Protein backbone atom coordinates (compact mmCIF):
# COMPACT_ATOMS: atom_id res chain seq x y z
CA MET A 1 4.67 -6.18 0.26
CA GLU A 2 1.69 -7.99 1.80
CA TYR A 3 -1.15 -9.76 0.01
CA ILE A 4 -4.93 -9.75 0.40
CA ASN A 5 -6.37 -13.24 0.29
CA PRO A 6 -7.82 -13.85 -3.21
CA TYR A 7 -11.53 -14.52 -3.60
CA LYS A 8 -12.83 -17.72 -5.18
CA LEU A 9 -12.95 -17.55 -8.97
CA THR A 10 -16.29 -17.52 -10.77
CA GLU A 11 -17.27 -20.80 -12.41
CA LEU A 12 -16.74 -20.61 -16.15
CA ASP A 13 -20.39 -21.24 -17.05
CA LYS A 14 -21.44 -18.31 -14.83
CA LEU A 15 -19.16 -15.70 -16.38
CA HIS A 16 -20.90 -12.77 -18.07
CA SER A 17 -17.70 -11.53 -19.68
CA LEU A 18 -14.11 -12.66 -20.12
CA VAL A 19 -12.85 -9.11 -19.51
CA GLU A 20 -13.52 -7.62 -16.07
CA ASN A 21 -16.40 -9.92 -15.20
CA ARG A 22 -18.03 -8.19 -12.22
CA THR A 23 -19.38 -9.68 -8.99
CA ARG A 24 -21.03 -7.00 -6.85
CA PHE A 25 -21.75 -6.87 -3.11
CA SER A 26 -23.68 -3.77 -1.97
CA LEU A 27 -24.35 -2.07 1.35
CA ASP A 28 -26.02 1.27 2.07
CA PHE A 29 -22.75 3.25 2.27
CA CYS A 30 -20.44 1.33 -0.07
CA GLU A 31 -20.16 -1.51 -2.55
CA LEU A 32 -17.44 -4.05 -3.17
CA ASN A 33 -16.84 -5.22 -6.72
CA VAL A 34 -14.70 -8.22 -7.61
CA TYR A 35 -13.41 -8.17 -11.19
CA GLU A 36 -11.95 -11.12 -13.11
CA THR A 37 -10.35 -11.11 -16.54
CA ARG A 38 -9.57 -14.32 -18.44
CA GLN A 39 -8.29 -13.11 -21.78
CA ARG A 40 -5.78 -10.55 -22.97
CA ALA A 41 -7.25 -7.14 -23.67
CA ASN A 42 -6.24 -3.50 -24.04
CA ASP A 43 -7.70 -0.13 -23.10
CA PHE A 44 -10.61 -1.39 -21.00
CA LYS A 45 -12.21 1.62 -19.28
CA LEU A 46 -13.62 1.83 -15.75
CA LYS A 47 -15.04 4.78 -13.82
CA PHE A 48 -16.84 4.91 -10.46
CA ASP A 49 -19.19 7.49 -8.93
CA GLY A 50 -17.55 7.40 -5.48
CA PHE A 51 -14.10 7.33 -3.94
CA THR A 52 -12.65 3.95 -4.89
CA ILE A 53 -10.00 1.75 -3.28
CA THR A 54 -8.81 -0.95 -5.68
CA SER A 55 -6.52 -3.83 -4.72
CA MET A 56 -4.96 -6.50 -6.91
CA LEU A 57 -5.51 -10.12 -5.86
CA ARG A 58 -4.25 -12.15 -8.85
CA GLY A 59 -2.29 -11.61 -12.06
CA LYS A 60 -1.05 -8.35 -13.60
CA LYS A 61 -2.57 -5.30 -15.23
CA ILE A 62 -1.09 -2.22 -16.84
CA MET A 63 -2.79 0.89 -15.47
CA HIS A 64 -3.15 4.22 -17.26
CA LEU A 65 -4.32 7.02 -14.96
CA ASP A 66 -4.26 10.76 -15.67
CA GLY A 67 -1.47 12.46 -13.76
CA MET A 68 0.51 9.23 -13.21
CA ASP A 69 3.03 7.36 -15.34
CA ASP A 70 1.74 4.03 -16.67
CA PHE A 71 2.57 1.24 -14.26
CA GLU A 72 2.29 -2.51 -13.72
CA TYR A 73 -0.38 -3.34 -11.14
CA VAL A 74 0.20 -6.60 -9.27
CA PRO A 75 -0.89 -8.33 -6.03
CA GLY A 76 0.35 -6.54 -2.94
CA GLU A 77 -0.58 -3.14 -4.33
CA THR A 78 -3.52 -0.78 -3.86
CA VAL A 79 -4.61 2.22 -5.93
CA LEU A 80 -6.89 4.99 -4.71
CA ALA A 81 -9.16 6.64 -7.26
CA PRO A 82 -11.13 9.82 -6.50
CA ARG A 83 -14.71 9.97 -7.74
CA GLU A 84 -15.09 9.86 -11.55
CA THR A 85 -11.43 8.93 -12.15
CA LEU A 86 -11.05 7.27 -15.56
CA MET A 87 -9.02 4.07 -15.32
CA ARG A 88 -7.74 2.64 -18.61
CA ILE A 89 -6.49 -0.91 -18.18
CA ASP A 90 -4.48 -3.40 -20.26
CA PHE A 91 -4.34 -7.13 -19.53
CA PRO A 92 -1.11 -8.38 -21.16
CA GLU A 93 -1.03 -11.85 -19.58
CA ALA A 94 -4.61 -12.78 -18.65
CA GLU A 95 -5.69 -16.29 -19.71
CA MET A 96 -8.45 -18.73 -18.87
CA LYS A 97 -6.19 -20.62 -16.46
CA GLN A 98 -4.36 -17.51 -15.23
CA PRO A 99 -6.96 -14.78 -14.71
CA THR A 100 -6.45 -11.40 -13.14
CA GLN A 101 -8.58 -10.56 -10.15
CA CYS A 102 -8.99 -7.32 -8.25
CA THR A 103 -11.39 -5.63 -5.87
CA ALA A 104 -12.87 -2.15 -6.24
CA LEU A 105 -14.37 -0.78 -3.04
CA VAL A 106 -16.57 2.23 -3.86
CA ILE A 107 -17.34 4.39 -0.81
CA ASP A 108 -20.19 6.87 -0.60
CA ASN A 109 -18.66 10.36 -0.50
CA ARG A 110 -20.82 11.46 2.41
CA TYR A 111 -19.77 8.42 4.44
CA LEU A 112 -16.10 9.05 3.68
CA THR A 113 -16.39 12.72 4.66
CA GLU A 114 -17.97 11.73 7.97
CA ARG A 115 -15.15 9.27 8.70
CA LEU A 116 -12.49 11.90 7.92
CA ASP A 117 -14.24 14.48 10.08
CA HIS A 118 -14.39 11.99 12.94
CA ILE A 119 -10.65 11.27 12.68
CA ASN A 120 -9.85 14.98 12.76
CA GLU A 121 -12.15 15.59 15.74
CA SER A 122 -10.54 12.69 17.63
CA TRP A 123 -6.93 13.62 16.80
CA LYS A 124 -4.97 14.59 19.92
CA GLY A 125 -1.50 14.63 18.41
CA ASP A 126 0.58 17.54 17.10
CA ALA A 127 -1.67 20.61 17.12
CA ALA A 128 0.35 22.15 14.29
CA ARG A 129 -0.45 19.26 11.98
CA GLN A 130 -2.77 19.94 9.07
CA GLU A 131 -6.07 18.09 8.88
CA TRP A 132 -6.08 14.41 7.98
CA ARG A 133 -7.25 14.42 4.36
CA ILE A 134 -6.82 12.20 1.35
CA ASN A 135 -3.68 13.23 -0.51
CA PRO A 136 -4.35 13.31 -4.28
CA SER A 137 -0.61 13.01 -5.00
CA GLU A 138 -0.25 9.72 -3.08
CA LEU A 139 -2.72 7.40 -4.80
CA PHE A 140 -0.45 4.35 -5.26
CA ILE A 141 0.18 2.29 -2.12
CA LYS A 142 2.13 -0.88 -1.45
CA ASN A 143 0.19 -2.98 1.03
CA ASN A 144 1.62 -3.30 4.49
CA ARG A 145 0.53 -6.10 6.80
CA GLU A 146 -2.25 -4.05 8.38
CA LEU A 147 -3.75 -3.00 5.05
CA ALA A 148 -3.62 -6.56 3.70
CA GLN A 149 -5.26 -7.96 6.82
CA ILE A 150 -7.99 -5.32 6.75
CA GLY A 151 -8.60 -5.98 3.05
CA SER A 152 -8.89 -9.73 3.65
CA ARG A 153 -11.32 -9.22 6.54
CA LEU A 154 -13.43 -6.79 4.54
CA LEU A 155 -13.64 -9.16 1.57
CA LYS A 156 -14.67 -12.00 3.88
CA VAL A 157 -17.43 -9.91 5.49
CA PHE A 158 -18.83 -8.59 2.21
CA THR A 159 -19.05 -12.06 0.70
CA SER A 160 -20.64 -13.64 3.77
CA ASN A 161 -24.30 -14.15 4.65
CA ASP A 162 -23.85 -12.71 8.13
CA PRO A 163 -26.97 -10.73 9.12
CA PHE A 164 -24.68 -8.19 10.84
CA LYS A 165 -22.42 -7.69 7.82
CA GLU A 166 -23.31 -3.99 7.46
CA TYR A 167 -22.33 -3.32 11.08
CA GLN A 168 -19.10 -5.32 10.71
CA ALA A 169 -18.23 -3.66 7.40
CA ASP A 170 -18.67 -0.22 8.97
CA LEU A 171 -16.21 -1.07 11.76
CA ILE A 172 -13.64 -2.47 9.33
CA LEU A 173 -14.03 0.48 6.95
CA ARG A 174 -13.16 2.85 9.76
CA GLU A 175 -9.89 0.94 10.20
CA LEU A 176 -9.29 0.93 6.45
CA VAL A 177 -9.68 4.71 6.09
CA LEU A 178 -7.25 5.36 8.94
CA CYS A 179 -4.73 2.84 7.58
CA MET A 180 -4.96 4.40 4.12
CA LEU A 181 -4.35 7.89 5.51
CA ARG A 182 -1.32 6.72 7.49
CA LEU A 183 0.20 5.07 4.44
CA GLN A 184 -0.37 8.25 2.46
CA ASN A 185 1.32 10.25 5.24
CA LEU A 186 4.30 7.92 5.04
CA GLY A 187 4.46 8.26 1.26
CA THR A 188 4.41 12.05 1.55
CA LEU A 189 7.15 11.95 4.20
CA ARG A 190 9.35 9.85 1.96
CA LYS A 191 8.78 12.20 -0.96
CA ASP A 192 9.33 15.47 0.94
CA PHE A 193 12.11 14.83 3.45
CA ARG A 194 14.97 15.44 1.01
CA LEU A 195 13.53 18.82 0.03
CA ASN A 196 13.06 20.01 3.59
CA GLY A 197 14.64 17.89 6.28
CA ASN A 198 13.63 20.39 8.98
CA ARG A 199 9.95 20.65 8.08
CA SER A 200 8.98 18.46 11.04
CA PRO A 201 10.74 16.25 13.61
CA PHE A 202 9.92 13.19 11.51
CA HIS A 203 11.31 14.76 8.33
CA ALA A 204 14.54 15.26 10.26
CA VAL A 205 14.43 11.66 11.50
CA LEU A 206 14.06 10.21 8.00
CA HIS A 207 16.84 12.46 6.72
CA TYR A 208 19.06 11.21 9.53
CA ILE A 209 18.24 7.58 8.70
CA SER A 210 18.87 8.07 4.97
CA GLU A 211 22.35 9.44 5.66
CA ARG A 212 23.33 6.48 7.85
CA LEU A 213 21.79 3.39 6.24
CA SER A 214 25.13 1.57 6.20
CA SER A 215 25.71 2.21 9.89
CA ASP A 216 24.13 1.01 13.09
CA ILE A 217 21.16 3.28 13.91
CA ARG A 218 19.98 3.36 17.50
CA ILE A 219 16.48 4.47 18.44
CA GLU A 220 17.95 6.76 21.09
CA GLU A 221 19.65 8.72 18.31
CA LEU A 222 16.33 9.19 16.50
CA CYS A 223 14.69 10.36 19.71
CA ASN A 224 17.40 13.00 20.07
CA VAL A 225 16.87 14.15 16.48
CA ALA A 226 13.11 14.41 17.09
CA CYS A 227 13.64 16.01 20.54
CA MET A 228 11.25 13.49 22.09
CA SER A 229 11.37 10.89 24.82
CA LYS A 230 11.48 7.29 23.61
CA SER A 231 7.88 6.55 24.60
CA SER A 232 6.56 9.78 23.06
CA PHE A 233 8.58 9.23 19.88
CA TYR A 234 7.31 5.67 19.36
CA ARG A 235 3.71 6.63 20.08
CA ALA A 236 3.67 9.75 17.90
CA PHE A 237 5.45 8.08 14.98
CA THR A 238 3.19 5.02 15.00
CA GLU A 239 0.04 7.12 15.26
CA GLU A 240 1.12 9.26 12.32
CA TYR A 241 2.41 6.57 9.95
CA GLY A 242 1.06 3.21 11.13
CA ILE A 243 4.51 1.58 11.40
CA THR A 244 7.23 1.66 14.03
CA PRO A 245 10.55 3.50 13.59
CA VAL A 246 12.30 0.10 13.50
CA GLN A 247 10.09 -0.97 10.59
CA LEU A 248 10.87 2.30 8.81
CA ILE A 249 14.62 1.67 9.12
CA LEU A 250 14.16 -1.85 7.73
CA GLU A 251 12.10 -0.63 4.77
CA GLU A 252 14.54 2.18 3.95
CA ARG A 253 17.46 -0.26 4.01
CA LEU A 254 15.61 -2.64 1.71
CA LYS A 255 14.79 0.22 -0.65
CA TYR A 256 18.47 1.15 -0.74
CA ALA A 257 19.38 -2.49 -1.31
CA LYS A 258 17.02 -2.60 -4.31
CA SER A 259 18.77 0.40 -5.83
CA LEU A 260 22.15 -1.33 -5.37
CA LEU A 261 20.86 -4.54 -6.94
CA THR A 262 19.50 -2.56 -9.88
CA ASP A 263 22.36 -0.15 -10.49
CA HIS A 264 25.41 -2.22 -9.50
CA PRO A 265 25.31 -5.77 -10.89
CA GLU A 266 28.99 -6.15 -10.05
CA ILE A 267 28.29 -6.08 -6.30
CA SER A 268 27.57 -9.46 -4.70
CA ILE A 269 24.39 -10.11 -2.71
CA LYS A 270 26.46 -10.36 0.46
CA GLU A 271 28.08 -6.97 -0.20
CA VAL A 272 24.66 -5.44 -0.90
CA ALA A 273 23.48 -6.72 2.48
CA TYR A 274 26.41 -5.21 4.39
CA THR A 275 26.31 -1.93 2.46
CA SER A 276 22.59 -1.60 3.23
CA GLY A 277 23.21 -1.92 6.95
CA PHE A 278 22.45 -5.62 7.52
CA ASN A 279 24.94 -7.45 9.68
CA ASP A 280 23.68 -10.87 8.56
CA PRO A 281 23.24 -11.59 4.81
CA ASN A 282 20.87 -14.47 5.60
CA TYR A 283 18.61 -12.15 7.60
CA PHE A 284 18.78 -9.65 4.74
CA SER A 285 17.64 -12.31 2.26
CA ARG A 286 14.77 -13.40 4.54
CA MET A 287 13.52 -9.85 5.03
CA PHE A 288 13.90 -9.04 1.34
CA ARG A 289 11.81 -12.07 0.38
CA LYS A 290 9.22 -11.27 3.04
CA ILE A 291 8.77 -7.64 1.95
CA GLU A 292 9.33 -7.94 -1.81
CA GLY A 293 7.91 -11.42 -2.40
CA GLN A 294 11.12 -12.72 -4.01
CA SER A 295 14.78 -13.26 -3.19
CA PRO A 296 17.44 -10.60 -3.90
CA SER A 297 18.93 -12.76 -6.66
CA ASP A 298 15.51 -13.24 -8.30
CA PHE A 299 14.91 -9.50 -8.11
CA ARG A 300 18.26 -8.80 -9.75
CA GLY A 301 17.50 -11.42 -12.41
CA GLU A 302 14.23 -9.66 -13.32
CA VAL A 303 15.99 -6.30 -13.58
CA PHE A 304 18.62 -7.66 -15.94
């Protein structure tokens, strides 16, 4: 989990509201809203007239979205909201000294369509692949490093006085749309591979990885499963999902480790590390903290 750099908080005497106080930065093709909440509240409603990318910067919300189970929304996470999506929000912990803060980037639908069309026209990968489109079933995203860095850059540009901010924002938005699509592709892959491990070479690869998390997994083995050369495999996988195969193995092992920590309190942290395919428990703990934002023992403590 990676974090977008928070924006400076509004001075108290300049707040218009204690619940979702809005600071707005507008360009011709999009607007960036920064929301702050400084008191507990329930069932606050938000709706936008364009495709919206929201990211948490501080604190915690409880989100209620049609078609999704209610969930805690915390820094390191991003939610995509199609046009006119009703977001109902609770603020169970917001206080004057501990506000929540999030961004809501609203993109003009015509601009977004043009960016998607351009990606599809430029795509030179697998000809059998369907068009790159926003997946309405993958609207919740955990930030990876690229998404967090893009979000931080975009926030910095929007809030600057640079005379070229519209030009810069356009360039960064192009990166953001592609990054978002890749993360959605990865989410779909993770959801579908168990149902059909032979749907694509990468479905077969993830199925192979999932069956061998406790063992040493060599990239050469994955190339054989995908029937690709090493260079072609790396390039195609990274273009499709925005991460390397090595990073995928790491993330899948950490996901498995989280399930062990949650479901088997009798297993020691060291045993969890080895069972999840890590040869060094110290390395496991470092990677767990880096990705999850807390140590394995702290994670287990929260669960129980």
